[in-house]
Amino acid sequence: MSSKIFILISALLPMLLASANAQDKSHITLFGVVDDGLVHTYQKKNLDGKKTVQNKTELRSGVYRGARWGVRGIEDLGGGYSVGFVLDAGFKDDNGQQTMGRLFGRESSLNVKGPFGELYFGRIGAITSGAGPMAIAAWYSPFGTSCGQFAVTSYNYMFNFQRVDNSVSYRSPALQNTRLLLQYSRDVDGLEDIDPNKAGIQHGEEGKSSTGQYYAIGFQYNNKKVDFNLGTDHLTYSKNAAGIKPKGAYTVTFGGSVKYSKLKIYSGAQVFWHANSKWITTYNLLWNQQAYLNGYAVLGGIEYVIGGGQAMAAVGYSKTRSATLDQERRGHMTGASLGYAYPLSKRTNLYFLFNANYARQSYGSSPAVKTTTFEEAIGLTHFF
């Protein structure tokens, strides 16, 4: 982000807030999260009978909740109708860097709401992801989509194409506690470079085969005690500079939670076909290889209010195999997470996290590669 843009935003924001306060039917809110954690990661890898061990300790931003700041606004049009917007920017508060390569990378959307339901336009979380108002997979474990790079979450274990650009999304009014979700994106990543060997960013044309597109349908059921979600989507990959267009990905995702007085039980599952491994976060961290995968993932967890805070536990499993002509690459991940978040105030949490992951990958007759990873963290989260 250039200094001129930052100065412009800094100058306009107070005027926007003042203007909002002067109008009864218009409201603008500044919001955000600041999160820093001290994280230790231990990883042992066994390759061809040789063991390697890595130990790393770091101050990491966005451990318990992703660091962000943003502005949201709404104007009441009367008759049950309103127009609103969300501008949500991710950043790393340990070094001040902007995330996702863009200013409002977490969300940049305009919405219209009324008796017909809700319409969203712009960059927003995908239906089968864990991000944004349309997402169904945000809470398949008590750890949400954060809590460490090896936490048992949908973001780490499932194929989770997080956000889509140039999208139109619709959520229906509730009928018997059930809502219908629809989403379409004409160009899922406006910053995608389809020819990395050529200087600059070479990007395709929106709505054409040179760009990726996204189609999804979902259902949400929520009666305040039971929250259940079901969704299926199709992601088409962009045609690269050589004219090759990979086969598109499909997923079926479902899960939710049941809430009691102090106890909440979570579970979720996904089946995926031809998923790009870079969007299965923990898999990508472990193997650092781009591959198209078929497979499935299952998660489960509990949350319990004790000692004034929330104790959390979850387990997860994911199994994959190559989706291309090379059918010999197979792998699986098994993991467990423990955590405790204690509210120091209404806006500040102290948290403790522990994640364990065991992964194995084999290729034909070659010896399997095995990794064991432990991740521990302690930190603070402040909401504003």
Protein backbone atom coordinates (compact mmCIF):
# COMPACT_ATOMS: atom_id res chain seq x y z
CA MET A 1 0.00 0.00 0.00
CA SER A 2 1.47 3.37 -1.03
CA SER A 3 1.93 6.18 1.48
CA LYS A 4 -0.48 8.37 -0.55
CA ILE A 5 -3.31 5.82 -0.19
CA PHE A 6 -2.64 5.47 3.53
CA ILE A 7 -2.68 9.27 4.01
CA LEU A 8 -5.93 9.53 2.04
CA ILE A 9 -7.63 6.83 4.15
CA SER A 10 -6.36 8.44 7.37
CA ALA A 11 -7.81 11.78 6.28
CA LEU A 12 -11.17 10.45 5.10
CA LEU A 13 -11.92 8.04 7.96
CA PRO A 14 -12.62 10.71 10.64
CA MET A 15 -14.89 12.56 8.20
CA LEU A 16 -16.80 9.36 7.40
CA LEU A 17 -17.27 8.61 11.09
CA ALA A 18 -18.40 12.18 11.79
CA SER A 19 -20.82 12.08 8.87
CA ALA A 20 -22.27 8.80 10.12
CA ASN A 21 -22.89 10.23 13.60
CA ALA A 22 -24.76 13.15 12.07
CA GLN A 23 -27.28 10.91 10.31
CA ASP A 24 -29.79 8.88 12.30
CA LYS A 25 -30.22 6.16 9.65
CA SER A 26 -26.55 5.64 8.78
CA HIS A 27 -23.95 3.95 10.96
CA ILE A 28 -20.24 3.36 10.35
CA THR A 29 -18.10 1.25 12.69
CA LEU A 30 -14.35 0.84 12.96
CA PHE A 31 -13.43 -2.68 14.12
CA GLY A 32 -10.44 -4.97 14.40
CA VAL A 33 -8.34 -7.56 16.18
CA VAL A 34 -4.75 -7.37 17.40
CA ASP A 35 -3.18 -10.72 18.27
CA ASP A 36 0.35 -11.78 19.12
CA GLY A 37 1.54 -15.14 20.38
CA LEU A 38 4.87 -16.69 21.35
CA VAL A 39 4.97 -19.94 19.36
CA HIS A 40 7.31 -22.91 19.58
CA THR A 41 7.29 -25.55 16.83
CA TYR A 42 9.05 -28.92 17.00
CA GLN A 43 9.12 -31.09 13.90
CA LYS A 44 10.75 -34.46 13.28
CA LYS A 45 10.92 -35.88 9.76
CA ASN A 46 11.90 -39.40 8.72
CA LEU A 47 13.05 -39.64 5.08
CA ASP A 48 14.90 -42.64 3.63
CA GLY A 49 15.77 -43.83 7.11
CA LYS A 50 17.28 -40.46 8.05
CA LYS A 51 15.79 -38.32 10.79
CA THR A 52 15.91 -34.54 10.85
CA VAL A 53 14.69 -32.37 13.72
CA GLN A 54 13.73 -28.70 13.62
CA ASN A 55 13.03 -26.44 16.61
CA LYS A 56 11.74 -22.93 16.06
CA THR A 57 10.50 -20.26 18.46
CA GLU A 58 8.92 -17.08 17.09
CA LEU A 59 6.62 -14.19 17.86
CA ARG A 60 3.72 -14.70 15.48
CA SER A 61 0.78 -12.47 14.62
CA GLY A 62 -2.79 -13.75 14.38
CA VAL A 63 -2.42 -17.02 16.27
CA TYR A 64 -5.74 -17.20 18.13
CA ARG A 65 -7.58 -14.81 15.80
CA GLY A 66 -6.36 -13.28 12.57
CA ALA A 67 -5.11 -9.70 13.04
CA ARG A 68 -7.24 -7.23 11.12
CA TRP A 69 -8.76 -3.77 10.98
CA GLY A 70 -11.71 -2.59 9.02
CA VAL A 71 -14.71 -0.38 8.50
CA ARG A 72 -18.31 -1.52 8.15
CA GLY A 73 -21.31 0.65 7.45
CA ILE A 74 -25.07 0.36 7.03
CA GLU A 75 -27.82 2.72 5.91
CA ASP A 76 -31.44 1.99 6.76
CA LEU A 77 -33.58 2.61 3.67
CA GLY A 78 -36.86 1.94 5.47
CA GLY A 79 -39.41 -0.78 4.87
CA GLY A 80 -37.00 -3.46 6.08
CA TYR A 81 -34.35 -2.63 3.43
CA SER A 82 -30.76 -1.55 4.02
CA VAL A 83 -27.50 -1.04 2.13
CA GLY A 84 -24.14 -1.76 3.72
CA PHE A 85 -20.48 -2.40 3.10
CA VAL A 86 -17.51 -4.16 4.70
CA LEU A 87 -13.85 -3.24 4.15
CA ASP A 88 -11.71 -5.72 6.12
CA ALA A 89 -7.90 -5.55 5.99
CA GLY A 90 -5.54 -8.23 7.29
CA PHE A 91 -2.11 -7.39 8.69
CA LYS A 92 0.71 -8.84 10.78
CA ASP A 93 1.01 -6.89 13.99
CA ASP A 94 4.43 -8.37 14.77
CA ASN A 95 5.97 -6.49 11.83
CA GLY A 96 3.19 -4.31 10.38
CA GLN A 97 3.03 -6.08 7.02
CA GLN A 98 -0.16 -6.17 4.96
CA THR A 99 -1.45 -9.68 4.19
CA MET A 100 -2.88 -11.24 1.00
CA GLY A 101 -1.08 -8.74 -1.24
CA ARG A 102 -3.95 -6.23 -1.15
CA LEU A 103 -5.40 -3.61 1.17
CA PHE A 104 -8.82 -5.11 1.98
CA GLY A 105 -7.90 -8.75 1.38
CA ARG A 106 -10.16 -10.28 4.03
CA GLU A 107 -13.32 -8.75 2.59
CA SER A 108 -14.31 -5.91 0.32
CA SER A 109 -18.04 -6.10 -0.29
CA LEU A 110 -21.26 -4.17 -0.79
CA ASN A 111 -24.52 -5.67 0.46
CA VAL A 112 -28.25 -5.12 0.07
CA LYS A 113 -30.61 -6.66 2.64
CA GLY A 114 -34.37 -6.84 2.82
CA PRO A 115 -37.38 -9.16 3.05
CA PHE A 116 -36.04 -11.00 -0.03
CA GLY A 117 -32.83 -11.98 1.83
CA GLU A 118 -29.26 -10.72 1.47
CA LEU A 119 -27.15 -9.92 -1.61
CA TYR A 120 -23.38 -9.44 -1.45
CA PHE A 121 -21.12 -8.13 -4.23
CA GLY A 122 -17.31 -8.09 -4.36
CA ARG A 123 -14.55 -9.99 -2.55
CA ILE A 124 -16.00 -12.26 0.12
CA GLY A 125 -15.48 -15.65 1.77
CA ALA A 126 -16.51 -18.69 -0.27
CA ILE A 127 -19.58 -20.63 0.88
CA THR A 128 -17.63 -23.79 1.75
CA SER A 129 -14.82 -21.84 3.41
CA GLY A 130 -14.49 -20.58 6.96
CA ALA A 131 -14.40 -16.85 6.11
CA GLY A 132 -17.12 -14.23 6.05
CA PRO A 133 -20.91 -14.06 6.35
CA MET A 134 -21.61 -16.75 3.72
CA ALA A 135 -19.17 -19.34 5.09
CA ILE A 136 -20.48 -22.67 6.42
CA ALA A 137 -17.18 -24.25 7.57
CA ALA A 138 -16.03 -21.63 10.08
CA TRP A 139 -16.87 -23.65 13.20
CA TYR A 140 -16.40 -27.37 12.57
CA SER A 141 -14.03 -27.33 15.54
CA PRO A 142 -13.83 -24.98 18.55
CA PHE A 143 -10.61 -23.53 17.10
CA GLY A 144 -12.43 -21.85 14.21
CA THR A 145 -10.00 -21.20 11.36
CA SER A 146 -7.06 -20.00 13.47
CA CYS A 147 -5.13 -21.19 16.54
CA GLY A 148 -1.93 -22.26 14.79
CA GLN A 149 -0.61 -23.68 11.54
CA PHE A 150 -1.20 -27.26 12.73
CA ALA A 151 -4.49 -26.76 14.57
CA VAL A 152 -7.41 -29.08 13.84
CA THR A 153 -9.54 -26.69 11.77
CA SER A 154 -11.34 -26.79 8.43
CA TYR A 155 -8.80 -24.26 7.11
CA ASN A 156 -5.90 -26.64 7.81
CA TYR A 157 -7.41 -30.05 7.00
CA MET A 158 -10.02 -29.42 4.29
CA PHE A 159 -9.78 -28.02 0.78
CA ASN A 160 -10.62 -24.45 1.69
CA PHE A 161 -10.56 -21.94 -1.15
CA GLN A 162 -10.97 -19.08 1.31
CA ARG A 163 -12.11 -15.99 -0.58
CA VAL A 164 -13.39 -15.16 -4.05
CA ASP A 165 -13.12 -11.91 -6.00
CA ASN A 166 -15.73 -10.53 -8.42
CA SER A 167 -18.52 -12.51 -6.76
CA VAL A 168 -22.28 -12.33 -6.33
CA SER A 169 -23.65 -14.11 -3.24
CA TYR A 170 -27.20 -14.62 -2.02
CA ARG A 171 -28.60 -15.77 1.34
CA SER A 172 -32.33 -16.33 1.59
CA PRO A 173 -34.61 -15.37 4.49
CA ALA A 174 -34.96 -18.07 7.17
CA LEU A 175 -37.72 -20.60 6.54
CA GLN A 176 -38.20 -23.02 9.44
CA ASN A 177 -34.72 -21.95 10.66
CA THR A 178 -33.20 -22.86 7.26
CA ARG A 179 -31.51 -20.61 4.72
CA LEU A 180 -30.44 -21.20 1.12
CA LEU A 181 -27.01 -19.92 -0.01
CA LEU A 182 -25.92 -19.30 -3.59
CA GLN A 183 -22.60 -17.93 -4.88
CA TYR A 184 -20.87 -17.28 -8.19
CA SER A 185 -17.50 -15.71 -8.94
CA ARG A 186 -16.44 -14.71 -12.45
CA ASP A 187 -12.76 -14.41 -11.50
CA VAL A 188 -11.75 -15.99 -8.19
CA ASP A 189 -8.37 -14.26 -7.88
CA GLY A 190 -7.86 -10.90 -9.50
CA LEU A 191 -4.15 -10.97 -8.59
CA GLU A 192 -3.42 -14.36 -10.17
CA ASP A 193 -0.40 -14.46 -12.49
CA ILE A 194 -1.06 -17.05 -15.22
CA ASP A 195 2.45 -16.67 -16.66
CA PRO A 196 5.00 -16.43 -13.80
CA ASN A 197 7.90 -16.71 -16.26
CA LYS A 198 7.00 -13.36 -17.82
CA ALA A 199 7.73 -10.05 -16.10
CA GLY A 200 4.76 -8.43 -14.41
CA ILE A 201 1.36 -9.93 -13.64
CA GLN A 202 -0.26 -11.63 -16.62
CA HIS A 203 -3.94 -12.05 -15.85
CA GLY A 204 -6.84 -13.48 -17.83
CA GLU A 205 -10.16 -11.93 -18.74
CA GLU A 206 -12.98 -12.02 -16.20
CA GLY A 207 -15.61 -14.62 -17.04
CA LYS A 208 -13.36 -16.39 -19.57
CA SER A 209 -11.46 -19.68 -19.35
CA SER A 210 -8.24 -17.73 -18.72
CA THR A 211 -9.52 -17.04 -15.19
CA GLY A 212 -10.75 -19.35 -12.47
CA GLN A 213 -14.47 -19.32 -11.63
CA TYR A 214 -16.45 -20.52 -8.61
CA TYR A 215 -19.96 -21.92 -8.20
CA ALA A 216 -21.50 -22.96 -4.87
CA ILE A 217 -24.78 -23.82 -3.18
CA GLY A 218 -25.34 -24.32 0.52
CA PHE A 219 -27.89 -24.67 3.29
CA GLN A 220 -27.79 -23.40 6.87
CA TYR A 221 -30.00 -24.62 9.70
CA ASN A 222 -29.85 -22.85 13.08
CA ASN A 223 -32.37 -23.02 15.91
CA LYS A 224 -29.99 -21.42 18.46
CA LYS A 225 -29.07 -24.86 19.89
CA VAL A 226 -28.30 -26.83 16.72
CA ASP A 227 -26.26 -25.32 13.90
CA PHE A 228 -25.96 -27.54 10.80
CA ASN A 229 -24.52 -26.64 7.39
CA LEU A 230 -24.29 -28.39 4.05
CA GLY A 231 -22.60 -27.12 0.91
CA THR A 232 -21.17 -28.19 -2.40
CA ASP A 233 -19.01 -26.19 -4.79
CA HIS A 234 -17.09 -26.29 -8.05
CA LEU A 235 -13.87 -24.36 -8.64
CA THR A 236 -12.53 -24.08 -12.19
CA TYR A 237 -8.82 -23.37 -12.49
CA SER A 238 -7.56 -20.75 -14.91
CA LYS A 239 -5.98 -21.63 -18.24
CA ASN A 240 -2.25 -20.94 -18.02
CA ALA A 241 -0.01 -19.20 -20.57
CA ALA A 242 0.62 -22.53 -22.34
CA GLY A 243 -3.12 -22.91 -22.91
CA ILE A 244 -3.49 -25.80 -20.42
CA LYS A 245 -6.56 -25.74 -18.19
CA PRO A 246 -6.51 -28.24 -15.28
CA LYS A 247 -9.61 -30.23 -14.44
CA GLY A 248 -11.80 -28.35 -11.96
CA ALA A 249 -12.26 -29.16 -8.28
CA TYR A 250 -15.46 -30.35 -6.55
CA THR A 251 -16.26 -30.61 -2.85
CA VAL A 252 -19.11 -31.69 -0.59
CA THR A 253 -18.84 -30.16 2.91
CA PHE A 254 -21.10 -30.57 5.93
CA GLY A 255 -21.08 -30.23 9.71
CA GLY A 256 -21.97 -27.98 12.59
CA SER A 257 -22.44 -27.87 16.34
CA VAL A 258 -24.81 -28.56 19.22
CA LYS A 259 -24.88 -26.21 22.21
CA TYR A 260 -25.77 -27.03 25.81
CA SER A 261 -25.47 -24.79 28.89
CA LYS A 262 -21.67 -24.96 29.25
CA LEU A 263 -20.79 -27.53 26.60
CA LYS A 264 -20.64 -27.21 22.83
CA ILE A 265 -19.93 -30.15 20.51
CA TYR A 266 -18.53 -29.65 16.99
CA SER A 267 -18.06 -31.90 13.98
CA GLY A 268 -17.52 -31.58 10.23
CA ALA A 269 -16.50 -33.52 7.15
CA GLN A 270 -15.57 -32.92 3.53
CA VAL A 271 -15.01 -35.01 0.41
CA PHE A 272 -12.94 -33.35 -2.32
CA TRP A 273 -11.90 -34.15 -5.88
CA HIS A 274 -9.04 -32.57 -7.84
CA ALA A 275 -8.26 -30.11 -5.07
CA ASN A 276 -5.10 -28.03 -5.36
CA SER A 277 -2.93 -28.87 -2.35
CA LYS A 278 -1.96 -25.23 -1.77
CA TRP A 279 -5.45 -24.67 -0.32
CA ILE A 280 -5.08 -27.46 2.26
CA THR A 281 -2.95 -25.37 4.57
CA THR A 282 -1.27 -27.91 6.86
CA TYR A 283 -0.67 -30.34 3.97
CA ASN A 284 1.00 -27.53 2.04
CA LEU A 285 3.19 -26.61 5.02
CA LEU A 286 4.30 -30.21 5.51
CA TRP A 287 5.10 -31.20 1.94
CA ASN A 288 5.51 -27.88 0.13
CA GLN A 289 4.47 -29.35 -3.21
CA GLN A 290 1.75 -28.39 -5.66
CA ALA A 291 -0.48 -31.38 -6.45
CA TYR A 292 -4.08 -32.15 -7.35
CA LEU A 293 -5.65 -34.43 -4.77
CA ASN A 294 -8.72 -36.57 -4.16
CA GLY A 295 -9.59 -37.29 -0.57
CA TYR A 296 -11.61 -36.54 2.52
CA ALA A 297 -11.27 -34.94 5.94
CA VAL A 298 -13.19 -35.31 9.21
CA LEU A 299 -13.04 -33.08 12.31
CA GLY A 300 -14.59 -33.16 15.76
CA GLY A 301 -14.24 -31.23 18.98
CA ILE A 302 -15.71 -29.88 22.19
CA GLU A 303 -15.72 -26.58 24.04
CA TYR A 304 -16.49 -26.27 27.75
CA VAL A 305 -16.80 -23.22 29.99
CA ILE A 306 -14.65 -23.76 33.08
CA GLY A 307 -12.68 -21.50 35.44
CA GLY A 308 -14.15 -18.41 33.83
CA GLY A 309 -12.71 -19.30 30.42
CA GLN A 310 -13.19 -21.71 27.53
CA ALA A 311 -11.42 -25.08 27.37
CA MET A 312 -11.18 -26.53 23.86
CA ALA A 313 -10.21 -29.90 22.36
CA ALA A 314 -10.40 -31.32 18.83
CA VAL A 315 -9.20 -34.23 16.69
CA GLY A 316 -8.93 -34.48 12.92
CA TYR A 317 -8.03 -36.87 10.11
CA SER A 318 -7.39 -36.32 6.41
CA LYS A 319 -6.61 -38.88 3.69
CA THR A 320 -5.46 -38.01 0.16
CA ARG A 321 -4.24 -39.53 -3.08
CA SER A 322 -3.07 -38.05 -6.34
CA ALA A 323 -5.90 -36.99 -8.66
CA THR A 324 -3.78 -36.92 -11.83
CA LEU A 325 -2.31 -39.71 -13.97
CA ASP A 326 0.24 -40.31 -11.24
CA GLN A 327 -1.94 -42.37 -8.88
CA GLU A 328 0.86 -43.63 -6.63
CA ARG A 329 1.16 -40.64 -4.28
CA ARG A 330 -0.85 -41.23 -1.11
CA GLY A 331 -0.92 -39.58 2.28
CA HIS A 332 -2.79 -38.98 5.48
CA MET A 333 -2.72 -36.61 8.46
CA THR A 334 -3.88 -37.20 12.01
CA GLY A 335 -4.00 -34.39 14.53
CA ALA A 336 -5.16 -33.20 17.93
CA SER A 337 -5.51 -29.73 19.46
CA LEU A 338 -5.96 -28.47 23.01
CA GLY A 339 -6.52 -24.90 24.13
CA TYR A 340 -7.77 -22.55 26.78
CA ALA A 341 -8.86 -18.93 26.38
CA TYR A 342 -9.35 -16.75 29.45
CA PRO A 343 -11.03 -13.34 29.17
CA LEU A 344 -9.01 -10.71 31.02
CA SER A 345 -11.75 -8.25 30.05
CA LYS A 346 -14.63 -8.01 27.58
CA ARG A 347 -12.15 -7.23 24.81
CA THR A 348 -8.93 -9.04 25.75
CA ASN A 349 -8.21 -12.79 25.94
CA LEU A 350 -5.18 -14.67 27.24
CA TYR A 351 -4.80 -18.00 25.42
CA PHE A 352 -2.79 -21.21 25.58
CA LEU A 353 -2.65 -23.64 22.64
CA PHE A 354 -1.15 -27.05 21.88
CA ASN A 355 -1.33 -28.76 18.48
CA ALA A 356 0.01 -32.17 17.48
CA ASN A 357 0.16 -33.57 13.94
CA TYR A 358 1.36 -36.86 12.52
CA ALA A 359 1.57 -37.16 8.73
CA ARG A 360 2.69 -39.85 6.32
CA GLN A 361 3.17 -39.73 2.56
CA SER A 362 4.16 -42.53 0.21
CA TYR A 363 5.06 -42.58 -3.46
CA GLY A 364 4.99 -45.91 -5.27
CA SER A 365 7.51 -48.36 -3.88
CA SER A 366 9.67 -45.63 -2.30
CA PRO A 367 9.91 -45.55 1.51
CA ALA A 368 7.22 -43.41 3.14
CA VAL A 369 8.07 -39.96 4.45
CA LYS A 370 6.82 -39.40 7.99
CA THR A 371 6.59 -36.21 10.03
CA THR A 372 5.66 -35.53 13.64
CA THR A 373 4.95 -31.93 14.62
CA PHE A 374 4.17 -30.25 17.94
CA GLU A 375 3.15 -26.60 18.15
CA GLU A 376 2.66 -24.68 21.43
CA ALA A 377 1.61 -21.07 21.88
CA ILE A 378 0.78 -18.49 24.53
CA GLY A 379 -0.51 -15.06 23.64
CA LEU A 380 -2.94 -12.17 23.88
CA THR A 381 -5.85 -11.14 21.68
CA HIS A 382 -7.51 -7.73 21.82
CA PHE A 383 -10.75 -6.91 20.00
CA PHE A 384 -11.79 -3.37 19.18
